[in-house]
PDB file of all heavy atoms in Angstrom:
ATOM      1  N   ALA A   1       1.152  -7.740  27.443  1.00  0.00           N
ATOM      2  CA  ALA A   1       2.521  -7.882  27.436  1.00  0.00           C
ATOM      3  C   ALA A   1       2.978  -9.355  27.955  1.00  0.00           C
ATOM      4  O   ALA A   1       3.970  -9.835  27.291  1.00  0.00           O
ATOM      5  CB  ALA A   1       3.292  -6.835  28.263  1.00  0.00           C
ATOM      6  N   ARG A   2       2.253  -9.902  28.814  1.00  0.00           N
ATOM      7  CA  ARG A   2       2.704 -11.197  29.369  1.00  0.00           C
ATOM      8  C   ARG A   2       2.389 -12.370  28.345  1.00  0.00           C
ATOM      9  O   ARG A   2       3.002 -13.492  28.522  1.00  0.00           O
ATOM     10  CB  ARG A   2       1.905 -11.476  30.724  1.00  0.00           C
ATOM     11  CG  ARG A   2       2.327 -10.628  31.772  1.00  0.00           C
ATOM     12  CD  ARG A   2       1.533 -11.001  33.029  1.00  0.00           C
ATOM     13  NE  ARG A   2       1.878 -10.067  34.150  1.00  0.00           N
ATOM     14  CZ  ARG A   2       2.986 -10.172  34.955  1.00  0.00           C
ATOM     15  NH1 ARG A   2       3.813 -11.087  34.743  1.00  0.00           N
ATOM     16  NH2 ARG A   2       3.172  -9.306  35.905  1.00  0.00           N
ATOM     17  N   GLN A   3       1.699 -11.967  27.242  1.00  0.00           N
ATOM     18  CA  GLN A   3       1.392 -12.991  26.235  1.00  0.00           C
ATOM     19  C   GLN A   3       2.736 -13.384  25.457  1.00  0.00           C
ATOM     20  O   GLN A   3       2.764 -14.414  24.818  1.00  0.00           O
ATOM     21  CB  GLN A   3       0.391 -12.498  25.349  1.00  0.00           C
ATOM     22  CG  GLN A   3      -0.958 -12.143  25.933  1.00  0.00           C
ATOM     23  CD  GLN A   3      -1.454 -13.276  26.818  1.00  0.00           C
ATOM     24  OE1 GLN A   3      -1.594 -14.439  26.426  1.00  0.00           O
ATOM     25  NE2 GLN A   3      -1.869 -12.900  28.019  1.00  0.00           N
ATOM     26  N   ILE A   4       3.754 -12.451  25.575  1.00  0.00           N
ATOM     27  CA  ILE A   4       4.965 -12.706  24.833  1.00  0.00           C
ATOM     28  C   ILE A   4       5.690 -14.008  25.546  1.00  0.00           C
ATOM     29  O   ILE A   4       6.006 -14.830  24.679  1.00  0.00           O
ATOM     30  CB  ILE A   4       5.842 -11.549  24.944  1.00  0.00           C
ATOM     31  CG1 ILE A   4       5.361 -10.328  24.199  1.00  0.00           C
ATOM     32  CG2 ILE A   4       7.241 -11.847  24.338  1.00  0.00           C
ATOM     33  CD1 ILE A   4       6.023  -8.998  24.380  1.00  0.00           C
ATOM     34  N   ASP A   5       5.563 -14.073  26.778  1.00  0.00           N
ATOM     35  CA  ASP A   5       6.239 -15.214  27.373  1.00  0.00           C
ATOM     36  C   ASP A   5       5.336 -16.494  27.165  1.00  0.00           C
ATOM     37  O   ASP A   5       5.815 -17.612  27.091  1.00  0.00           O
ATOM     38  CB  ASP A   5       6.320 -14.964  28.948  1.00  0.00           C
ATOM     39  CG  ASP A   5       7.352 -13.937  29.269  1.00  0.00           C
ATOM     40  OD1 ASP A   5       8.255 -13.822  28.456  1.00  0.00           O
ATOM     41  OD2 ASP A   5       7.179 -13.197  30.272  1.00  0.00           O
ATOM     42  N   ARG A   6       4.011 -16.154  27.092  1.00  0.00           N
ATOM     43  CA  ARG A   6       3.109 -17.390  26.971  1.00  0.00           C
ATOM     44  C   ARG A   6       3.096 -18.009  25.556  1.00  0.00           C
ATOM     45  O   ARG A   6       3.194 -19.190  25.355  1.00  0.00           O
ATOM     46  CB  ARG A   6       1.715 -16.954  27.251  1.00  0.00           C
ATOM     47  CG  ARG A   6       0.623 -18.035  27.314  1.00  0.00           C
ATOM     48  CD  ARG A   6      -0.639 -17.504  27.724  1.00  0.00           C
ATOM     49  NE  ARG A   6      -1.725 -18.580  27.825  1.00  0.00           N
ATOM     50  CZ  ARG A   6      -2.986 -18.401  28.233  1.00  0.00           C
ATOM     51  NH1 ARG A   6      -3.343 -17.216  28.512  1.00  0.00           N
ATOM     52  NH2 ARG A   6      -3.807 -19.490  28.212  1.00  0.00           N
ATOM     53  N   TYR A   7       2.996 -17.134  24.480  1.00  0.00           N
ATOM     54  CA  TYR A   7       2.904 -17.652  23.179  1.00  0.00           C
ATOM     55  C   TYR A   7       4.172 -17.498  22.284  1.00  0.00           C
ATOM     56  O   TYR A   7       4.210 -18.037  21.182  1.00  0.00           O
ATOM     57  CB  TYR A   7       1.717 -16.902  22.451  1.00  0.00           C
ATOM     58  CG  TYR A   7       0.379 -17.214  23.102  1.00  0.00           C
ATOM     59  CD1 TYR A   7      -0.378 -16.274  23.822  1.00  0.00           C
ATOM     60  CD2 TYR A   7      -0.349 -18.426  22.844  1.00  0.00           C
ATOM     61  CE1 TYR A   7      -1.593 -16.548  24.299  1.00  0.00           C
ATOM     62  CE2 TYR A   7      -1.509 -18.704  23.438  1.00  0.00           C
ATOM     63  CZ  TYR A   7      -2.126 -17.739  24.274  1.00  0.00           C
ATOM     64  OH  TYR A   7      -3.320 -17.997  24.732  1.00  0.00           O
ATOM     65  N   GLY A   8       5.037 -16.659  22.777  1.00  0.00           N
ATOM     66  CA  GLY A   8       6.293 -16.422  22.058  1.00  0.00           C
ATOM     67  C   GLY A   8       6.260 -15.168  21.225  1.00  0.00           C
ATOM     68  O   GLY A   8       5.135 -14.657  20.807  1.00  0.00           O
ATOM     69  N   GLY A   9       7.401 -14.575  21.041  1.00  0.00           N
ATOM     70  CA  GLY A   9       7.468 -13.314  20.397  1.00  0.00           C
ATOM     71  C   GLY A   9       7.039 -13.264  18.932  1.00  0.00           C
ATOM     72  O   GLY A   9       6.380 -12.250  18.477  1.00  0.00           O
ATOM     73  N   LEU A  10       7.118 -14.327  18.287  1.00  0.00           N
ATOM     74  CA  LEU A  10       6.889 -14.348  16.714  1.00  0.00           C
ATOM     75  C   LEU A  10       5.260 -14.374  16.561  1.00  0.00           C
ATOM     76  O   LEU A  10       4.685 -13.629  15.735  1.00  0.00           O
ATOM     77  CB  LEU A  10       7.442 -15.494  16.087  1.00  0.00           C
ATOM     78  CG  LEU A  10       9.034 -15.548  15.944  1.00  0.00           C
ATOM     79  CD1 LEU A  10       9.531 -16.833  15.349  1.00  0.00           C
ATOM     80  CD2 LEU A  10       9.335 -14.427  15.081  1.00  0.00           C
ATOM     81  N   VAL A  11       4.647 -15.061  17.400  1.00  0.00           N
ATOM     82  CA  VAL A  11       3.161 -15.138  17.333  1.00  0.00           C
ATOM     83  C   VAL A  11       2.534 -13.810  17.675  1.00  0.00           C
ATOM     84  O   VAL A  11       1.688 -13.279  17.055  1.00  0.00           O
ATOM     85  CB  VAL A  11       2.578 -16.302  18.224  1.00  0.00           C
ATOM     86  CG1 VAL A  11       1.046 -16.104  18.333  1.00  0.00           C
ATOM     87  CG2 VAL A  11       2.966 -17.655  17.776  1.00  0.00           C
ATOM     88  N   VAL A  12       3.129 -13.232  18.763  1.00  0.00           N
ATOM     89  CA  VAL A  12       2.579 -11.870  19.329  1.00  0.00           C
ATOM     90  C   VAL A  12       2.782 -10.818  18.292  1.00  0.00           C
ATOM     91  O   VAL A  12       2.020 -10.033  17.936  1.00  0.00           O
ATOM     92  CB  VAL A  12       3.178 -11.500  20.605  1.00  0.00           C
ATOM     93  CG1 VAL A  12       2.712 -10.051  20.973  1.00  0.00           C
ATOM     94  CG2 VAL A  12       2.682 -12.412  21.709  1.00  0.00           C
ATOM     95  N   ALA A  13       4.031 -10.784  17.536  1.00  0.00           N
ATOM     96  CA  ALA A  13       4.372  -9.849  16.600  1.00  0.00           C
ATOM     97  C   ALA A  13       3.511 -10.047  15.307  1.00  0.00           C
ATOM     98  O   ALA A  13       3.031  -9.047  14.697  1.00  0.00           O
ATOM     99  CB  ALA A  13       5.832 -10.046  16.132  1.00  0.00           C
ATOM    100  N   LEU A  14       3.143 -11.288  14.932  1.00  0.00           N
ATOM    101  CA  LEU A  14       2.301 -11.522  13.773  1.00  0.00           C
ATOM    102  C   LEU A  14       0.911 -10.892  14.057  1.00  0.00           C
ATOM    103  O   LEU A  14       0.417 -10.179  13.123  1.00  0.00           O
ATOM    104  CB  LEU A  14       2.194 -13.018  13.525  1.00  0.00           C
ATOM    105  CG  LEU A  14       1.227 -13.460  12.316  1.00  0.00           C
ATOM    106  CD1 LEU A  14       1.955 -12.930  11.110  1.00  0.00           C
ATOM    107  CD2 LEU A  14       1.113 -14.963  12.381  1.00  0.00           C
ATOM    108  N   VAL A  15       0.292 -11.154  15.085  1.00  0.00           N
ATOM    109  CA  VAL A  15      -1.000 -10.559  15.323  1.00  0.00           C
ATOM    110  C   VAL A  15      -0.916  -9.014  15.424  1.00  0.00           C
ATOM    111  O   VAL A  15      -1.871  -8.324  14.939  1.00  0.00           O
ATOM    112  CB  VAL A  15      -1.619 -11.167  16.766  1.00  0.00           C
ATOM    113  CG1 VAL A  15      -2.972 -10.505  17.095  1.00  0.00           C
ATOM    114  CG2 VAL A  15      -1.818 -12.646  16.566  1.00  0.00           C
ATOM    115  N   SER A  16       0.052  -8.502  16.076  1.00  0.00           N
ATOM    116  CA  SER A  16       0.284  -7.091  16.236  1.00  0.00           C
ATOM    117  C   SER A  16       0.308  -6.341  14.894  1.00  0.00           C
ATOM    118  O   SER A  16      -0.329  -5.283  14.730  1.00  0.00           O
ATOM    119  CB  SER A  16       1.455  -6.726  17.112  1.00  0.00           C
ATOM    120  OG  SER A  16       1.364  -7.379  18.384  1.00  0.00           O
ATOM    121  N   LEU A  17       1.148  -6.927  14.122  1.00  0.00           N
ATOM    122  CA  LEU A  17       1.210  -6.281  12.648  1.00  0.00           C
ATOM    123  C   LEU A  17       0.029  -6.370  11.891  1.00  0.00           C
ATOM    124  O   LEU A  17      -0.330  -5.438  11.144  1.00  0.00           O
ATOM    125  CB  LEU A  17       2.424  -6.966  11.902  1.00  0.00           C
ATOM    126  CG  LEU A  17       3.846  -6.778  12.444  1.00  0.00           C
ATOM    127  CD1 LEU A  17       4.771  -7.737  11.968  1.00  0.00           C
ATOM    128  CD2 LEU A  17       4.290  -5.305  12.186  1.00  0.00           C
ATOM    129  N   LEU A  18      -0.724  -7.369  11.976  1.00  0.00           N
ATOM    130  CA  LEU A  18      -1.965  -7.471  11.322  1.00  0.00           C
ATOM    131  C   LEU A  18      -3.114  -6.383  11.920  1.00  0.00           C
ATOM    132  O   LEU A  18      -3.748  -5.678  11.103  1.00  0.00           O
ATOM    133  CB  LEU A  18      -2.713  -8.702  11.541  1.00  0.00           C
ATOM    134  CG  LEU A  18      -2.097  -9.894  10.724  1.00  0.00           C
ATOM    135  CD1 LEU A  18      -2.599 -11.294  11.169  1.00  0.00           C
ATOM    136  CD2 LEU A  18      -2.179  -9.689   9.215  1.00  0.00           C
ATOM    137  N   VAL A  19      -3.004  -6.127  13.189  1.00  0.00           N
ATOM    138  CA  VAL A  19      -3.887  -4.984  13.806  1.00  0.00           C
ATOM    139  C   VAL A  19      -3.357  -3.670  13.299  1.00  0.00           C
ATOM    140  O   VAL A  19      -4.203  -2.778  12.968  1.00  0.00           O
ATOM    141  CB  VAL A  19      -3.897  -5.171  15.314  1.00  0.00           C
ATOM    142  CG1 VAL A  19      -4.576  -3.920  15.913  1.00  0.00           C
ATOM    143  CG2 VAL A  19      -4.530  -6.438  15.739  1.00  0.00           C
ATOM    144  N   GLU A  20      -2.038  -3.502  13.261  1.00  0.00           N
ATOM    145  CA  GLU A  20      -1.498  -2.276  12.779  1.00  0.00           C
ATOM    146  C   GLU A  20      -1.952  -1.961  11.348  1.00  0.00           C
ATOM    147  O   GLU A  20      -2.287  -0.844  10.970  1.00  0.00           O
ATOM    148  CB  GLU A  20       0.033  -2.234  13.014  1.00  0.00           C
ATOM    149  CG  GLU A  20       0.632  -0.928  12.552  1.00  0.00           C
ATOM    150  CD  GLU A  20       2.138  -0.880  12.801  1.00  0.00           C
ATOM    151  OE1 GLU A  20       2.786  -2.016  13.201  1.00  0.00           O
ATOM    152  OE2 GLU A  20       2.853   0.176  12.449  1.00  0.00           O
ATOM    153  N   THR A  21      -1.929  -3.001  10.482  1.00  0.00           N
ATOM    154  CA  THR A  21      -2.198  -2.774   9.086  1.00  0.00           C
ATOM    155  C   THR A  21      -3.693  -2.458   8.927  1.00  0.00           C
ATOM    156  O   THR A  21      -4.045  -1.520   8.228  1.00  0.00           O
ATOM    157  CB  THR A  21      -2.059  -4.168   8.370  1.00  0.00           C
ATOM    158  OG1 THR A  21      -0.728  -4.609   8.441  1.00  0.00           O
ATOM    159  CG2 THR A  21      -2.496  -4.079   6.928  1.00  0.00           C
ATOM    160  N   LEU A  22      -4.551  -3.063   9.906  1.00  0.00           N
ATOM    161  CA  LEU A  22      -6.014  -2.608   9.888  1.00  0.00           C
ATOM    162  C   LEU A  22      -6.138  -1.061  10.211  1.00  0.00           C
ATOM    163  O   LEU A  22      -7.011  -0.425   9.570  1.00  0.00           O
ATOM    164  CB  LEU A  22      -6.754  -3.545  10.872  1.00  0.00           C
ATOM    165  CG  LEU A  22      -8.230  -3.157  11.072  1.00  0.00           C
ATOM    166  CD1 LEU A  22      -9.056  -3.361   9.770  1.00  0.00           C
ATOM    167  CD2 LEU A  22      -8.871  -4.050  12.228  1.00  0.00           C
ATOM    168  N   GLY A  23      -5.389  -0.713  11.243  1.00  0.00           N
ATOM    169  CA  GLY A  23      -5.454   0.781  11.551  1.00  0.00           C
ATOM    170  C   GLY A  23      -5.084   1.692  10.429  1.00  0.00           C
ATOM    171  O   GLY A  23      -5.754   2.642  10.246  1.00  0.00           O
ATOM    172  N   LEU A  24      -4.002   1.337   9.718  1.00  0.00           N
ATOM    173  CA  LEU A  24      -3.612   2.213   8.556  1.00  0.00           C
ATOM    174  C   LEU A  24      -4.668   2.202   7.455  1.00  0.00           C
ATOM    175  O   LEU A  24      -4.902   3.177   6.809  1.00  0.00           O
ATOM    176  CB  LEU A  24      -2.261   1.702   8.090  1.00  0.00           C
ATOM    177  CG  LEU A  24      -1.094   1.920   9.011  1.00  0.00           C
ATOM    178  CD1 LEU A  24       0.125   1.073   8.692  1.00  0.00           C
ATOM    179  CD2 LEU A  24      -0.677   3.491   9.121  1.00  0.00           C
ATOM    180  N   LEU A  25      -5.348   1.045   7.306  1.00  0.00           N
ATOM    181  CA  LEU A  25      -6.358   0.940   6.236  1.00  0.00           C
ATOM    182  C   LEU A  25      -7.531   1.665   6.560  1.00  0.00           C
ATOM    183  O   LEU A  25      -8.259   2.339   5.789  1.00  0.00           O
ATOM    184  CB  LEU A  25      -6.721  -0.524   5.989  1.00  0.00           C
ATOM    185  CG  LEU A  25      -5.515  -1.369   5.298  1.00  0.00           C
ATOM    186  CD1 LEU A  25      -6.011  -2.811   5.101  1.00  0.00           C
ATOM    187  CD2 LEU A  25      -5.112  -0.690   3.890  1.00  0.00           C
ATOM    188  N   VAL A  26      -7.897   1.747   7.911  1.00  0.00           N
ATOM    189  CA  VAL A  26      -8.989   2.645   8.433  1.00  0.00           C
ATOM    190  C   VAL A  26      -8.709   4.063   8.115  1.00  0.00           C
ATOM    191  O   VAL A  26      -9.550   4.893   7.625  1.00  0.00           O
ATOM    192  CB  VAL A  26      -9.210   2.429   9.920  1.00  0.00           C
ATOM    193  CG1 VAL A  26     -10.187   3.481  10.456  1.00  0.00           C
ATOM    194  CG2 VAL A  26      -9.812   1.042  10.060  1.00  0.00           C
ATOM    195  N   LEU A  27      -7.409   4.478   8.323  1.00  0.00           N
ATOM    196  CA  LEU A  27      -7.033   5.885   8.057  1.00  0.00           C
ATOM    197  C   LEU A  27      -7.096   6.225   6.623  1.00  0.00           C
ATOM    198  O   LEU A  27      -7.505   7.352   6.109  1.00  0.00           O
ATOM    199  CB  LEU A  27      -5.565   6.107   8.574  1.00  0.00           C
ATOM    200  CG  LEU A  27      -5.349   6.380  10.037  1.00  0.00           C
ATOM    201  CD1 LEU A  27      -3.945   6.171  10.480  1.00  0.00           C
ATOM    202  CD2 LEU A  27      -5.983   7.730  10.424  1.00  0.00           C
ATOM    203  N   TRP A  28      -6.797   5.272   5.742  1.00  0.00           N
ATOM    204  CA  TRP A  28      -6.851   5.365   4.249  1.00  0.00           C
ATOM    205  C   TRP A  28      -8.320   5.716   3.858  1.00  0.00           C
ATOM    206  O   TRP A  28      -8.559   6.530   2.958  1.00  0.00           O
ATOM    207  CB  TRP A  28      -6.363   4.145   3.578  1.00  0.00           C
ATOM    208  CG  TRP A  28      -6.612   4.035   2.122  1.00  0.00           C
ATOM    209  CD1 TRP A  28      -6.392   4.941   1.177  1.00  0.00           C
ATOM    210  CD2 TRP A  28      -7.193   2.875   1.439  1.00  0.00           C
ATOM    211  NE1 TRP A  28      -6.731   4.478  -0.104  1.00  0.00           N
ATOM    212  CE2 TRP A  28      -7.177   3.200   0.118  1.00  0.00           C
ATOM    213  CE3 TRP A  28      -7.445   1.551   1.797  1.00  0.00           C
ATOM    214  CZ2 TRP A  28      -7.627   2.299  -0.920  1.00  0.00           C
ATOM    215  CZ3 TRP A  28      -7.915   0.638   0.881  1.00  0.00           C
ATOM    216  CH2 TRP A  28      -7.959   1.087  -0.454  1.00  0.00           C
ATOM    217  N   ARG A  29      -9.366   4.963   4.391  1.00  0.00           N
ATOM    218  CA  ARG A  29     -10.628   5.125   3.964  1.00  0.00           C
ATOM    219  C   ARG A  29     -11.484   6.019   4.796  1.00  0.00           C
ATOM    220  O   ARG A  29     -12.691   6.434   4.478  1.00  0.00           O
ATOM    221  CB  ARG A  29     -11.309   3.753   3.996  1.00  0.00           C
ATOM    222  CG  ARG A  29     -10.711   2.665   3.284  1.00  0.00           C
ATOM    223  CD  ARG A  29     -10.627   3.026   1.712  1.00  0.00           C
ATOM    224  NE  ARG A  29     -11.898   3.275   1.158  1.00  0.00           N
ATOM    225  CZ  ARG A  29     -12.083   3.778  -0.012  1.00  0.00           C
ATOM    226  NH1 ARG A  29     -11.084   4.170  -0.825  1.00  0.00           N
ATOM    227  NH2 ARG A  29     -13.291   4.094  -0.558  1.00  0.00           N
ATOM    228  N   CYS A  30     -10.954   6.631   5.915  1.00  0.00           N
ATOM    229  CA  CYS A  30     -11.805   7.540   6.752  1.00  0.00           C
ATOM    230  C   CYS A  30     -12.094   8.881   6.149  1.00  0.00           C
ATOM    231  O   CYS A  30     -11.448   9.268   5.253  1.00  0.00           O
ATOM    232  CB  CYS A  30     -11.021   7.705   8.107  1.00  0.00           C
ATOM    233  SG  CYS A  30      -9.651   8.831   8.039  1.00  0.00           S
ATOM    234  N   THR A  31     -13.193   9.354   6.532  1.00  0.00           N
ATOM    235  CA  THR A  31     -13.753  10.656   5.967  1.00  0.00           C
ATOM    236  C   THR A  31     -14.149  11.621   7.089  1.00  0.00           C
ATOM    237  O   THR A  31     -14.624  12.747   6.912  1.00  0.00           O
ATOM    238  CB  THR A  31     -14.881  10.493   4.996  1.00  0.00           C
ATOM    239  OG1 THR A  31     -16.050   9.853   5.701  1.00  0.00           O
ATOM    240  CG2 THR A  31     -14.531   9.729   3.800  1.00  0.00           C
ATOM    241  N   THR A  32     -14.022  11.102   8.395  1.00  0.00           N
ATOM    242  CA  THR A  32     -14.362  11.913   9.557  1.00  0.00           C
ATOM    243  C   THR A  32     -13.219  11.913  10.559  1.00  0.00           C
ATOM    244  O   THR A  32     -12.331  11.081  10.527  1.00  0.00           O
ATOM    245  CB  THR A  32     -15.621  11.341  10.239  1.00  0.00           C
ATOM    246  OG1 THR A  32     -15.314   9.981  10.703  1.00  0.00           O
ATOM    247  CG2 THR A  32     -16.775  11.230   9.239  1.00  0.00           C
ATOM    248  N   VAL A  33     -13.348  12.871  11.522  1.00  0.00           N
ATOM    249  CA  VAL A  33     -12.327  13.002  12.588  1.00  0.00           C
ATOM    250  C   VAL A  33     -12.476  11.738  13.401  1.00  0.00           C
ATOM    251  O   VAL A  33     -11.374  11.198  13.912  1.00  0.00           O
ATOM    252  CB  VAL A  33     -12.628  14.251  13.508  1.00  0.00           C
ATOM    253  CG1 VAL A  33     -11.757  14.282  14.660  1.00  0.00           C
ATOM    254  CG2 VAL A  33     -12.395  15.453  12.681  1.00  0.00           C
ATOM    255  N   ALA A  34     -13.646  11.189  13.632  1.00  0.00           N
ATOM    256  CA  ALA A  34     -13.750   9.993  14.616  1.00  0.00           C
ATOM    257  C   ALA A  34     -13.104   8.742  13.877  1.00  0.00           C
ATOM    258  O   ALA A  34     -12.450   7.988  14.506  1.00  0.00           O
ATOM    259  CB  ALA A  34     -15.238   9.713  14.762  1.00  0.00           C
ATOM    260  N   GLY A  35     -13.261   8.783  12.555  1.00  0.00           N
ATOM    261  CA  GLY A  35     -12.626   7.649  11.748  1.00  0.00           C
ATOM    262  C   GLY A  35     -11.170   7.623  11.814  1.00  0.00           C
ATOM    263  O   GLY A  35     -10.462   6.602  12.026  1.00  0.00           O
ATOM    264  N   ALA A  36     -10.578   8.912  11.748  1.00  0.00           N
ATOM    265  CA  ALA A  36      -9.178   9.121  11.776  1.00  0.00           C
ATOM    266  C   ALA A  36      -8.616   8.764  13.246  1.00  0.00           C
ATOM    267  O   ALA A  36      -7.665   8.096  13.244  1.00  0.00           O
ATOM    268  CB  ALA A  36      -8.705  10.503  11.363  1.00  0.00           C
ATOM    269  N   ALA A  37      -9.391   9.142  14.200  1.00  0.00           N
ATOM    270  CA  ALA A  37      -8.921   8.752  15.561  1.00  0.00           C
ATOM    271  C   ALA A  37      -8.952   7.290  15.845  1.00  0.00           C
ATOM    272  O   ALA A  37      -8.004   6.688  16.492  1.00  0.00           O
ATOM    273  CB  ALA A  37      -9.879   9.540  16.537  1.00  0.00           C
ATOM    274  N   LEU A  38      -9.952   6.590  15.338  1.00  0.00           N
ATOM    275  CA  LEU A  38     -10.051   5.158  15.420  1.00  0.00           C
ATOM    276  C   LEU A  38      -8.919   4.586  14.696  1.00  0.00           C
ATOM    277  O   LEU A  38      -8.249   3.560  15.224  1.00  0.00           O
ATOM    278  CB  LEU A  38     -11.311   4.662  14.870  1.00  0.00           C
ATOM    279  CG  LEU A  38     -11.517   3.148  14.770  1.00  0.00           C
ATOM    280  CD1 LEU A  38     -11.509   2.447  16.173  1.00  0.00           C
ATOM    281  CD2 LEU A  38     -12.780   2.732  13.993  1.00  0.00           C
ATOM    282  N   GLY A  39      -8.421   5.049  13.489  1.00  0.00           N
ATOM    283  CA  GLY A  39      -7.294   4.377  12.857  1.00  0.00           C
ATOM    284  C   GLY A  39      -6.107   4.656  13.553  1.00  0.00           C
ATOM    285  O   GLY A  39      -5.219   3.717  13.628  1.00  0.00           O
ATOM    286  N   ALA A  40      -5.887   5.784  14.050  1.00  0.00           N
ATOM    287  CA  ALA A  40      -4.698   6.095  14.863  1.00  0.00           C
ATOM    288  C   ALA A  40      -4.575   5.091  16.078  1.00  0.00           C
ATOM    289  O   ALA A  40      -3.537   4.632  16.376  1.00  0.00           O
ATOM    290  CB  ALA A  40      -4.545   7.469  15.292  1.00  0.00           C
ATOM    291  N   ALA A  41      -5.742   4.982  16.723  1.00  0.00           N
ATOM    292  CA  ALA A  41      -5.742   4.082  17.905  1.00  0.00           C
ATOM    293  C   ALA A  41      -5.482   2.661  17.564  1.00  0.00           C
ATOM    294  O   ALA A  41      -4.685   1.991  18.390  1.00  0.00           O
ATOM    295  CB  ALA A  41      -7.022   4.247  18.668  1.00  0.00           C
ATOM    296  N   LEU A  42      -5.969   2.061  16.442  1.00  0.00           N
ATOM    297  CA  LEU A  42      -5.748   0.767  16.101  1.00  0.00           C
ATOM    298  C   LEU A  42      -4.343   0.570  15.702  1.00  0.00           C
ATOM    299  O   LEU A  42      -3.584  -0.386  15.925  1.00  0.00           O
ATOM    300  CB  LEU A  42      -6.690   0.422  14.874  1.00  0.00           C
ATOM    301  CG  LEU A  42      -8.007   0.098  15.177  1.00  0.00           C
ATOM    302  CD1 LEU A  42      -8.899  -0.051  13.929  1.00  0.00           C
ATOM    303  CD2 LEU A  42      -8.193  -1.212  16.076  1.00  0.00           C
ATOM    304  N   THR A  43      -3.702   1.583  14.963  1.00  0.00           N
ATOM    305  CA  THR A  43      -2.357   1.594  14.596  1.00  0.00           C
ATOM    306  C   THR A  43      -1.419   1.470  15.858  1.00  0.00           C
ATOM    307  O   THR A  43      -0.531   0.686  15.932  1.00  0.00           O
ATOM    308  CB  THR A  43      -1.849   2.854  13.747  1.00  0.00           C
ATOM    309  OG1 THR A  43      -2.765   2.941  12.691  1.00  0.00           O
ATOM    310  CG2 THR A  43      -0.463   2.709  13.343  1.00  0.00           C
ATOM    311  N   GLY A  44      -1.702   2.303  16.917  1.00  0.00           N
ATOM    312  CA  GLY A  44      -0.952   2.241  18.123  1.00  0.00           C
ATOM    313  C   GLY A  44      -1.104   0.940  18.941  1.00  0.00           C
ATOM    314  O   GLY A  44      -0.161   0.333  19.354  1.00  0.00           O
ATOM    315  N   ALA A  45      -2.334   0.365  18.877  1.00  0.00           N
ATOM    316  CA  ALA A  45      -2.566  -0.926  19.528  1.00  0.00           C
ATOM    317  C   ALA A  45      -1.755  -2.034  18.850  1.00  0.00           C
ATOM    318  O   ALA A  45      -1.144  -2.872  19.469  1.00  0.00           O
ATOM    319  CB  ALA A  45      -4.066  -1.295  19.434  1.00  0.00           C
TER     320      ALA A  45
END
């Protein structure tokens, strides 16, 4: 959270949205409970 003050809100939001996109794509391709849990965790992160 402190990285917002350090790097600015726009930079932090950009990286965050890319990680969220990755999580949703993992959910798209997952075939196991573990894969779905990983996708959900990445989306939350």
